[in-house]
Amino acid sequence: MDNLSCMLSPLVYAELYRLLADVEGVQRDVLEERLAEIGYDHVWLRSASEAYDKYWKAQRQWTDADTVSNIALQLPEHALLATWILAGLRITGDDRALDSELKANVLQRAFTEVPGVKAPLPADLSPVIVGWTLGRIISLPPYDWPVAPAKLPDDVNLRSAFIGLVHHVLLLEEMAEPWPEMMQTSMYWRGYGIAEALKPELGEGGPAIQELLRESRPLLPQNLTTQLNRHFSRFGSRRNALSHVTDDPRRDRFVDVIASTQGWEHLRLTVLGMTQFVCQEISRSLYDAEQPPSALRNDPWAYLEREISTEWLA
């Protein structure tokens, strides 16, 4: 768990690349330019989808609900390559339509093709696209957060802080509500710190959160943008009230903040927001980089395809 592994089923990649192969208009043009950077073309998307699907079908004949996770692909470059490709689409708008289609297709096929499988699906069959970064949902049911992204931030402090946030949320999910007050309100300090680490040039968390919200607007539907703006508009003042405790007319009272920040729904928005900010930064860094990560140079598909080869299964 320390590395928040994003190992996903070949079914996920089969459906993801099939969906990408079918996009039209501006998104298709952007994808073609993106793929050309690593020597591929649009036809490759269909070929990759078929290769993953062939491997999935060959493996699933021996699996059921109890063993289907054994098919999850081990090489992290599968998720990294998919995220690098998805990052090219960040200039085309929000990712929720593609995310919803991917989840729905994987769910429908898993129910149809895996004997005994039930909702919620295991993590390797629970993909999510956040900020044009591929990830997998690793929460306990019925929650949809937190998420293990395909790539963690490069900065060691930020990476450790995000992993700690995820571990904390997973622990809370196992506990009955009401949660101990400090176990819930600690997310204000960690969230504020993650925002600062994402935008260190801005000097402090308040301006960093505002900039992260601004950057998220083109990547999110309007209703989610509204929710996050409302939640984070008082994030800094609440964090200050929790830090200083004593009444001060310049900020909310400590006891009022404690009373108004209880329960999963309030915590969910913090987790959702911080996950969005981290993932959109991951895709931005991949999009802005002068060249792909070293693991994706020199034809990554040449060795990724070997892991999903069905020759040895014949």
Foldseek 3Di string as FASTA:
>chain_A
DLQLAFFAALQLLLQLLVVQLPDDDPSQVLLQVLQVQQPDGSVVSNVSSVLSVVLLVLPQVPAALVCRCVRTDDDLVVQVVQLLSLLSCLVVFACVVSFVSSLVVLVVCCVVRHHPHDPPHAFNSAWGAFLSWIWTQHADPPDRDDTRTSDADPDPVLRSLLSVVRVLVNVVSVDDPPDPLCSQVVLLVSLFVNLCVLPVVVPGSLVSLVVLLVSCVRHDDPVLSVVLCVLSVQSVLLNVQCVPQDDDVVGDHPVVSSVPQTDDVNSVSSSSSSSNSRSSSVSVCSVPDPGHPPCSHDPNCVVVSVSSDCPVVD
